[in-house]
Amino acid sequence: MTNKSRRQFIKNSMVTGGALMLPTTFLGAFSQAVKSGEKVKLGVIGVGSRGGYLIQIINSFAENNPFEIVAVCDNYEPNYQKALQLTAGKAKGFYDYRKLLELKGLDAVIVATPLYQHAHIVIDALESGIHVFCEKAMARTLADTKKMAEAHYRTGNILHVGHQRLFDPKYLKGMEMVHNKELGPVTQIRAYWHRNNDWRRKVPADKPELERQINWRLYKEYSCGVMTELASHQIQVANWAKKSVPVAVRGVGSINYWKDGREVYDNVALIYSYADGTQFIYDSMTSNRHYGLQEQIMGDKGTLELETNHFFKENPPPPPKPAGIIQLITDIEKGIFETVPIGGASWRPETAVKYQGEVLVEGNNTDGTPEQLKAFAASVLTGNPIPGLFEHGYHASVWTLLGQQAMDTGETVTLPGFMEI
């Protein structure tokens, strides 16, 4: 497919929504390709917390493993040694990713380096004829994000961005409900990601010069903090639900708790607006974890809470009548006549039973990462990218950076023309 025809295909997909939804049947077809027994010769560049986690998942595939990890690379000695241990010494070790890319027979690489290093590594790999699984967000700057997209389209090699919720069964089921109008028209989306952790990692006492390398997430030159590390996932979910991308974003952020020299915000609040008037309301903090994380998709017929695998009907079924009657009699005997809150529903026996919602997928015990890695392997083996998958990663990354820009400038920000694909 030429660059022009591919771009037209993407634009059509954005209108129809066809390529912005990953049906389970499509993923099943890719799963069948993995069972062929052929393996992807894989290199892993960046073996910190995320890169190490991905290697562990690949190792867990055991006899059905579609990968053979032939090379690992990290320029931080503890991570380099960890990489060799995780691959039981079977993979060749490199300190320089460029040497790894010269390895003969290499099919694909995982890039799980710090954010600011993604662009040049990914572009070099694509230009070398190597397929890429790049962790989110794509890049630290809009310009680098666009360059990565151009390299993907120009070379025709696969660029698979790490948004695992696209492969999580509960999210697939939830989005099927959204797009089948089971929630009614989606009128608002809310999401949050709350932690209580300073995100700071220990620097060796004898090597203070490694502070910025080890704690890169805390410095604006290298990261947007909670935006690129967390919010990018949830912006992708909102875009998926809307089968669209925002038209504007505004927000505020500050450092109001961790006064330790960091440069990235420790709390943020943003509103992303879509063309039909739907608002996506987002907040994140690193000083309280009570509410954890969640994506809430709301329509006039119900609400999805995807992280916790639940659907709540706007008009839930009433509880068994005896329970309501018994509660009513008990309250009357005790002389309980509660005042109805302003804006609340009038008293009724059903309020005595808490509605727990409906489970989306029984026994769901994955976050989608194993499924995403297998789909990447299948894409490489068949030479077929999953339609719309790269564009999911691109738009989530772009609007993450635009959200940061809105907070930094105090202005409402829209998509610059040069970022259109």
Protein backbone atom coordinates (compact mmCIF):
# COMPACT_ATOMS: atom_id res chain seq x y z
CA MET A 1 0.00 0.00 0.00
CA THR A 2 1.40 3.40 -0.97
CA ASN A 3 1.71 6.21 1.56
CA LYS A 4 -1.17 8.05 -0.13
CA SER A 5 -3.53 5.07 -0.22
CA ARG A 6 -2.63 4.07 3.33
CA ARG A 7 -3.37 7.56 4.63
CA GLN A 8 -6.70 7.57 2.82
CA PHE A 9 -7.50 4.20 4.35
CA ILE A 10 -6.77 5.61 7.81
CA LYS A 11 -8.99 8.64 7.21
CA ASN A 12 -11.83 6.38 6.06
CA SER A 13 -11.31 4.21 9.12
CA MET A 14 -11.56 7.22 11.40
CA VAL A 15 -14.93 8.05 9.85
CA THR A 16 -16.39 4.53 9.89
CA GLY A 17 -14.69 3.36 13.05
CA GLY A 18 -14.03 0.03 11.36
CA ALA A 19 -10.29 -0.06 12.01
CA LEU A 20 -10.53 1.46 15.47
CA MET A 21 -12.07 -1.65 16.94
CA LEU A 22 -10.21 -4.94 17.28
CA PRO A 23 -12.75 -7.76 17.02
CA THR A 24 -11.90 -10.94 18.90
CA THR A 25 -12.24 -12.93 15.68
CA PHE A 26 -9.43 -10.92 14.09
CA LEU A 27 -7.19 -11.52 17.09
CA GLY A 28 -8.11 -15.19 16.94
CA ALA A 29 -6.93 -15.39 13.34
CA PHE A 30 -3.58 -13.91 14.35
CA SER A 31 -3.37 -16.38 17.22
CA GLN A 32 -3.68 -19.22 14.71
CA ALA A 33 -0.69 -17.87 12.80
CA VAL A 34 1.43 -18.04 15.96
CA LYS A 35 0.65 -21.75 16.31
CA SER A 36 2.48 -22.49 13.05
CA GLY A 37 5.66 -23.14 15.04
CA GLU A 38 7.69 -20.44 13.29
CA LYS A 39 9.43 -18.07 15.70
CA VAL A 40 10.23 -14.37 15.65
CA LYS A 41 13.92 -13.71 16.28
CA LEU A 42 13.65 -10.86 18.76
CA GLY A 43 15.91 -8.29 20.33
CA VAL A 44 14.98 -6.35 23.48
CA ILE A 45 16.38 -2.83 23.77
CA GLY A 46 15.98 -1.40 27.27
CA VAL A 47 15.64 -3.90 30.09
CA GLY A 48 14.49 -1.81 33.02
CA SER A 49 11.22 -2.48 34.84
CA ARG A 50 9.00 -2.64 31.74
CA GLY A 51 11.48 -4.36 29.44
CA GLY A 52 12.22 -6.96 32.10
CA TYR A 53 8.50 -7.53 32.62
CA LEU A 54 7.98 -8.14 28.90
CA ILE A 55 10.83 -10.67 28.82
CA GLN A 56 9.26 -12.50 31.77
CA ILE A 57 5.92 -12.68 29.95
CA ILE A 58 7.63 -14.01 26.82
CA ASN A 59 9.41 -16.63 28.94
CA SER A 60 6.04 -17.69 30.38
CA PHE A 61 4.76 -18.74 26.93
CA ALA A 62 6.82 -21.93 27.30
CA GLU A 63 6.30 -24.48 24.49
CA ASN A 64 3.91 -22.20 22.59
CA ASN A 65 6.40 -19.33 22.61
CA PRO A 66 6.29 -17.46 19.28
CA PHE A 67 9.55 -15.64 20.12
CA GLU A 68 13.19 -16.51 20.33
CA ILE A 69 15.02 -13.75 22.21
CA VAL A 70 18.38 -13.63 20.48
CA ALA A 71 19.69 -10.29 21.73
CA VAL A 72 19.32 -7.85 24.64
CA CYS A 73 20.67 -4.34 25.06
CA ASP A 74 21.01 -1.87 27.91
CA ASN A 75 23.67 0.76 28.66
CA TYR A 76 23.08 0.62 32.44
CA GLU A 77 25.16 -2.23 33.87
CA PRO A 78 22.63 -3.57 36.44
CA ASN A 79 19.96 -3.77 33.72
CA TYR A 80 22.42 -5.32 31.28
CA GLN A 81 23.25 -8.09 33.76
CA LYS A 82 19.56 -8.59 34.56
CA ALA A 83 18.83 -8.99 30.86
CA LEU A 84 21.42 -11.73 30.53
CA GLN A 85 19.98 -13.52 33.56
CA LEU A 86 16.38 -13.28 32.30
CA THR A 87 17.43 -14.91 29.03
CA ALA A 88 19.54 -17.54 30.83
CA GLY A 89 22.61 -16.44 28.88
CA LYS A 90 21.09 -17.58 25.56
CA ALA A 91 20.76 -14.05 24.18
CA LYS A 92 23.71 -12.02 22.98
CA GLY A 93 24.30 -8.90 25.07
CA PHE A 94 24.89 -5.39 23.73
CA TYR A 95 25.52 -2.00 25.29
CA ASP A 96 24.92 -0.15 22.00
CA TYR A 97 21.58 -0.71 20.25
CA ARG A 98 23.15 0.06 16.86
CA LYS A 99 25.33 -3.04 17.16
CA LEU A 100 22.25 -5.09 18.04
CA LEU A 101 20.46 -3.89 14.89
CA GLU A 102 23.36 -5.25 12.80
CA LEU A 103 22.69 -8.80 14.03
CA LYS A 104 21.93 -11.08 11.07
CA GLY A 105 18.54 -12.76 11.00
CA LEU A 106 16.93 -10.33 13.45
CA ASP A 107 13.20 -10.01 12.73
CA ALA A 108 11.97 -7.55 15.35
CA VAL A 109 12.85 -5.55 18.44
CA ILE A 110 11.06 -4.39 21.56
CA VAL A 111 12.00 -0.82 22.49
CA ALA A 112 11.42 -0.26 26.21
CA THR A 113 14.00 2.45 26.84
CA PRO A 114 13.23 5.77 28.55
CA LEU A 115 10.74 7.82 26.52
CA TYR A 116 13.17 10.39 25.13
CA GLN A 117 15.23 7.63 23.50
CA HIS A 118 12.34 5.97 21.64
CA ALA A 119 12.35 7.96 18.40
CA HIS A 120 15.88 7.52 17.09
CA ILE A 121 16.03 3.84 18.07
CA VAL A 122 12.66 3.04 16.48
CA ILE A 123 13.47 4.94 13.29
CA ASP A 124 16.88 3.26 12.97
CA ALA A 125 15.25 -0.16 13.43
CA LEU A 126 12.52 0.50 10.86
CA GLU A 127 15.08 1.83 8.38
CA SER A 128 17.08 -1.39 8.92
CA GLY A 129 14.11 -3.50 7.85
CA ILE A 130 13.26 -4.57 11.40
CA HIS A 131 9.74 -4.60 12.86
CA VAL A 132 9.23 -2.74 16.16
CA PHE A 133 7.16 -3.08 19.31
CA CYS A 134 7.59 0.31 21.01
CA GLU A 135 6.39 0.98 24.51
CA LYS A 136 4.07 3.93 25.01
CA ALA A 137 4.11 6.86 24.75
CA MET A 138 5.76 7.03 21.35
CA ALA A 139 8.11 9.97 21.93
CA ARG A 140 8.83 13.01 24.10
CA THR A 141 8.09 15.58 21.38
CA LEU A 142 5.49 16.04 18.68
CA ALA A 143 8.19 16.31 16.02
CA ASP A 144 9.74 12.98 17.01
CA THR A 145 6.33 11.32 17.14
CA LYS A 146 5.63 12.47 13.57
CA LYS A 147 9.06 11.28 12.38
CA MET A 148 8.31 7.82 13.78
CA ALA A 149 4.99 7.73 11.92
CA GLU A 150 6.67 8.79 8.69
CA ALA A 151 9.32 6.07 9.05
CA HIS A 152 6.59 3.48 9.64
CA TYR A 153 4.65 4.52 6.53
CA ARG A 154 7.77 4.98 4.41
CA THR A 155 9.33 1.60 5.17
CA GLY A 156 6.12 -0.42 5.47
CA ASN A 157 7.57 -2.17 8.52
CA ILE A 158 5.36 -2.84 11.52
CA LEU A 159 5.34 -0.31 14.36
CA HIS A 160 3.25 -1.70 17.19
CA VAL A 161 2.74 0.69 20.15
CA GLY A 162 2.29 -0.79 23.63
CA HIS A 163 -1.35 -0.14 24.53
CA GLN A 164 -2.28 -3.50 26.02
CA ARG A 165 -5.87 -2.58 26.85
CA LEU A 166 -6.64 -3.02 23.16
CA PHE A 167 -6.10 -6.76 23.70
CA ASP A 168 -7.68 -7.18 27.14
CA PRO A 169 -10.89 -9.30 26.87
CA LYS A 170 -12.85 -7.08 29.25
CA TYR A 171 -11.99 -3.99 27.22
CA LEU A 172 -12.86 -5.75 23.97
CA LYS A 173 -16.22 -6.76 25.44
CA GLY A 174 -16.82 -3.29 26.85
CA MET A 175 -16.05 -1.58 23.56
CA GLU A 176 -18.31 -3.99 21.72
CA MET A 177 -21.11 -2.86 24.05
CA VAL A 178 -20.26 0.81 23.50
CA HIS A 179 -20.20 0.52 19.73
CA ASN A 180 -23.39 -1.57 19.72
CA LYS A 181 -25.10 1.31 21.59
CA GLU A 182 -25.84 -0.83 24.67
CA LEU A 183 -24.89 2.18 26.81
CA GLY A 184 -26.89 4.53 24.62
CA PRO A 185 -25.03 7.55 23.25
CA VAL A 186 -21.78 8.12 25.16
CA THR A 187 -22.07 11.59 26.67
CA GLN A 188 -19.13 11.68 29.08
CA ILE A 189 -15.94 9.74 29.81
CA ARG A 190 -14.00 10.04 33.03
CA ALA A 191 -10.68 8.46 33.95
CA TYR A 192 -8.18 8.75 36.76
CA TRP A 193 -4.91 7.16 37.85
CA HIS A 194 -3.95 7.75 41.47
CA ARG A 195 -0.76 6.55 43.16
CA ASN A 196 1.02 7.33 46.40
CA ASN A 197 4.65 7.03 45.46
CA ASP A 198 7.37 9.55 44.71
CA TRP A 199 8.44 7.59 41.59
CA ARG A 200 12.04 8.19 42.62
CA ARG A 201 14.54 5.38 42.18
CA LYS A 202 17.69 4.90 44.20
CA VAL A 203 20.89 6.26 42.71
CA PRO A 204 24.18 4.56 43.70
CA ALA A 205 25.88 6.67 46.35
CA ASP A 206 29.17 6.60 44.47
CA LYS A 207 27.59 7.63 41.16
CA PRO A 208 25.42 10.73 41.73
CA GLU A 209 25.95 11.66 38.08
CA LEU A 210 23.44 8.91 37.18
CA GLU A 211 20.55 10.80 38.81
CA ARG A 212 18.96 12.02 35.58
CA GLN A 213 19.57 8.73 33.77
CA ILE A 214 17.93 6.65 36.50
CA ASN A 215 15.18 9.12 37.44
CA TRP A 216 14.46 10.32 33.90
CA ARG A 217 10.68 10.25 34.59
CA LEU A 218 11.09 13.26 36.88
CA TYR A 219 12.66 15.65 34.36
CA LYS A 220 10.89 17.54 31.59
CA GLU A 221 13.68 17.01 29.09
CA TYR A 222 13.02 13.29 29.18
CA SER A 223 9.40 12.77 30.22
CA CYS A 224 6.00 14.32 30.86
CA GLY A 225 5.62 12.33 34.07
CA VAL A 226 2.12 11.03 34.73
CA MET A 227 0.96 12.15 31.28
CA THR A 228 3.28 10.06 29.11
CA GLU A 229 3.68 7.23 31.63
CA LEU A 230 0.02 6.81 32.66
CA ALA A 231 -2.47 9.11 30.92
CA SER A 232 -1.52 7.94 27.42
CA HIS A 233 -3.22 4.59 28.15
CA GLN A 234 -6.47 6.22 29.19
CA ILE A 235 -6.56 8.75 26.36
CA GLN A 236 -6.30 5.76 24.01
CA VAL A 237 -9.32 4.16 25.73
CA ALA A 238 -11.38 7.35 25.38
CA ASN A 239 -10.51 7.63 21.67
CA TRP A 240 -11.43 3.98 21.21
CA ALA A 241 -14.83 4.49 22.81
CA LYS A 242 -15.53 7.56 20.69
CA LYS A 243 -14.05 6.11 17.48
CA SER A 244 -12.53 9.54 17.14
CA VAL A 245 -9.88 11.87 18.50
CA PRO A 246 -10.32 15.09 20.50
CA VAL A 247 -10.59 18.50 18.91
CA ALA A 248 -9.21 20.44 21.89
CA VAL A 249 -7.73 20.02 25.37
CA ARG A 250 -7.31 22.34 28.34
CA GLY A 251 -5.95 21.61 31.79
CA VAL A 252 -3.87 22.50 34.82
CA GLY A 253 -1.00 20.81 36.60
CA SER A 254 1.38 21.60 39.42
CA ILE A 255 3.95 20.22 41.82
CA ASN A 256 2.16 20.53 45.14
CA TYR A 257 3.48 17.59 47.14
CA TRP A 258 6.86 16.17 46.07
CA LYS A 259 9.20 19.11 46.67
CA ASP A 260 12.33 17.19 45.77
CA GLY A 261 13.71 18.92 42.69
CA ARG A 262 11.53 17.16 40.15
CA GLU A 263 10.33 19.11 37.14
CA VAL A 264 7.21 17.16 36.11
CA TYR A 265 3.80 17.72 37.70
CA ASP A 266 2.75 15.45 40.56
CA ASN A 267 -0.95 16.15 39.94
CA VAL A 268 -2.89 17.02 36.79
CA ALA A 269 -6.49 17.70 35.74
CA LEU A 270 -7.57 17.98 32.09
CA ILE A 271 -10.65 18.11 29.88
CA TYR A 272 -10.47 16.71 26.35
CA SER A 273 -13.31 17.78 24.06
CA TYR A 274 -14.64 15.78 21.10
CA ALA A 275 -16.42 17.19 18.07
CA ASP A 276 -19.87 16.01 19.19
CA GLY A 277 -19.58 17.82 22.53
CA THR A 278 -18.53 14.80 24.60
CA GLN A 279 -16.01 15.64 27.31
CA PHE A 280 -13.27 13.32 28.56
CA ILE A 281 -12.36 14.37 32.10
CA TYR A 282 -9.00 13.15 33.37
CA ASP A 283 -6.99 13.51 36.56
CA SER A 284 -3.90 11.89 38.01
CA MET A 285 -1.90 12.29 41.21
CA THR A 286 1.01 10.66 43.01
CA SER A 287 0.16 11.46 46.64
CA ASN A 288 -2.99 9.38 47.28
CA ARG A 289 -3.94 5.92 46.01
CA HIS A 290 -7.37 5.43 47.59
CA TYR A 291 -9.26 5.47 44.27
CA GLY A 292 -6.57 3.69 42.24
CA LEU A 293 -7.27 3.82 38.51
CA GLN A 294 -10.39 3.58 36.40
CA GLU A 295 -11.98 4.45 33.07
CA GLN A 296 -15.70 5.25 33.25
CA ILE A 297 -17.71 5.43 30.03
CA MET A 298 -21.20 6.83 30.52
CA GLY A 299 -24.32 6.76 28.37
CA ASP A 300 -28.01 7.23 29.14
CA LYS A 301 -28.49 3.45 29.47
CA GLY A 302 -25.49 2.54 31.58
CA THR A 303 -21.90 2.98 32.73
CA LEU A 304 -18.79 0.90 32.07
CA GLU A 305 -16.00 0.73 34.63
CA LEU A 306 -13.44 -1.09 32.56
CA GLU A 307 -10.51 -1.52 34.94
CA THR A 308 -12.72 -3.39 37.40
CA ASN A 309 -14.58 -5.34 34.70
CA HIS A 310 -18.12 -4.03 35.36
CA PHE A 311 -21.17 -2.66 33.60
CA PHE A 312 -23.85 -0.78 35.54
CA LYS A 313 -27.32 -0.39 34.07
CA GLU A 314 -29.03 2.94 34.59
CA ASN A 315 -32.20 1.07 35.58
CA PRO A 316 -30.94 -2.02 37.40
CA PRO A 317 -33.27 -4.92 38.19
CA PRO A 318 -35.05 -4.50 41.56
CA PRO A 319 -33.98 -6.70 44.47
CA PRO A 320 -36.22 -9.56 45.60
CA LYS A 321 -39.39 -8.03 47.07
CA PRO A 322 -39.17 -9.70 50.50
CA ALA A 323 -35.87 -7.95 51.19
CA GLY A 324 -37.39 -4.56 50.37
CA ILE A 325 -40.51 -5.20 52.44
CA ILE A 326 -38.53 -6.44 55.44
CA GLN A 327 -36.31 -3.35 55.29
CA LEU A 328 -39.37 -1.09 55.08
CA ILE A 329 -41.01 -2.74 58.11
CA THR A 330 -37.76 -2.60 60.11
CA ASP A 331 -37.30 1.10 59.36
CA ILE A 332 -40.90 1.90 60.34
CA GLU A 333 -40.50 -0.01 63.64
CA LYS A 334 -37.34 1.97 64.42
CA GLY A 335 -38.95 5.28 63.46
CA ILE A 336 -36.46 5.87 60.66
CA PHE A 337 -37.68 8.45 58.15
CA GLU A 338 -34.62 9.78 56.35
CA THR A 339 -34.54 13.16 54.63
CA VAL A 340 -34.20 12.82 50.88
CA PRO A 341 -31.01 14.60 49.65
CA ILE A 342 -31.50 17.42 47.15
CA GLY A 343 -31.39 15.97 43.66
CA GLY A 344 -31.70 12.41 44.98
CA ALA A 345 -34.35 9.82 44.29
CA SER A 346 -37.33 9.54 46.63
CA TRP A 347 -37.08 6.79 49.26
CA ARG A 348 -37.91 3.31 48.10
CA PRO A 349 -37.22 -0.15 49.53
CA GLU A 350 -34.82 -0.99 46.67
CA THR A 351 -32.22 1.45 47.98
CA ALA A 352 -31.53 -1.01 50.79
CA VAL A 353 -29.76 -3.28 48.29
CA LYS A 354 -26.54 -2.05 46.73
CA TYR A 355 -26.36 -2.69 42.99
CA GLN A 356 -23.07 -4.42 42.21
CA GLY A 357 -23.26 -4.19 38.43
CA GLU A 358 -22.70 -6.88 35.81
CA VAL A 359 -19.34 -8.59 35.23
CA LEU A 360 -18.12 -8.05 31.66
CA VAL A 361 -15.88 -11.12 31.33
CA GLU A 362 -15.92 -13.93 33.87
CA GLY A 363 -12.52 -15.11 35.05
CA ASN A 364 -10.62 -12.27 33.36
CA ASN A 365 -7.08 -12.50 34.72
CA THR A 366 -5.01 -10.61 32.16
CA ASP A 367 -4.17 -6.99 31.44
CA GLY A 368 -3.84 -7.73 27.73
CA THR A 369 -0.02 -7.68 27.59
CA PRO A 370 0.45 -11.40 26.78
CA GLU A 371 -2.20 -11.17 24.08
CA GLN A 372 -0.61 -8.05 22.63
CA LEU A 373 2.82 -9.66 22.42
CA LYS A 374 1.37 -12.70 20.65
CA ALA A 375 -0.48 -10.44 18.22
CA PHE A 376 2.79 -8.62 17.51
CA ALA A 377 4.50 -11.96 16.82
CA ALA A 378 1.68 -12.94 14.46
CA SER A 379 1.92 -9.60 12.67
CA VAL A 380 5.63 -10.12 12.13
CA LEU A 381 5.22 -13.74 10.98
CA THR A 382 2.46 -12.88 8.51
CA GLY A 383 3.86 -9.49 7.50
CA ASN A 384 0.44 -7.94 8.18
CA PRO A 385 0.02 -5.02 10.59
CA ILE A 386 -3.27 -4.91 12.51
CA PRO A 387 -5.37 -2.22 10.79
CA GLY A 388 -5.67 0.92 12.87
CA LEU A 389 -3.42 -0.27 15.69
CA PHE A 390 -0.54 2.07 14.97
CA GLU A 391 -2.95 4.98 14.61
CA HIS A 392 -4.31 4.23 18.10
CA GLY A 393 -0.80 4.63 19.49
CA TYR A 394 -0.07 7.71 17.41
CA HIS A 395 -3.18 9.66 18.38
CA ALA A 396 -2.89 8.72 22.06
CA SER A 397 0.73 9.85 22.12
CA VAL A 398 -0.01 13.10 20.29
CA TRP A 399 -2.91 14.08 22.54
CA THR A 400 -0.87 13.17 25.62
CA LEU A 401 1.75 15.72 24.54
CA LEU A 402 -0.92 18.28 23.64
CA GLY A 403 -2.40 17.85 27.12
CA GLN A 404 1.00 18.62 28.61
CA GLN A 405 1.26 21.67 26.36
CA ALA A 406 -2.16 22.88 27.51
CA MET A 407 -1.07 22.71 31.15
CA ASP A 408 2.29 24.35 30.50
CA THR A 409 0.79 27.27 28.56
CA GLY A 410 -2.56 27.66 30.32
CA GLU A 411 -4.23 27.71 26.91
CA THR A 412 -6.76 25.56 25.08
CA VAL A 413 -4.73 23.50 22.60
CA THR A 414 -5.78 21.98 19.28
CA LEU A 415 -4.01 19.64 16.86
CA PRO A 416 -1.31 21.41 14.82
CA GLY A 417 -1.74 20.87 11.10
CA PHE A 418 1.69 19.27 10.68
CA MET A 419 0.69 16.41 13.02
CA GLU A 420 -2.14 15.16 10.82
CA ILE A 421 -1.59 11.75 9.23
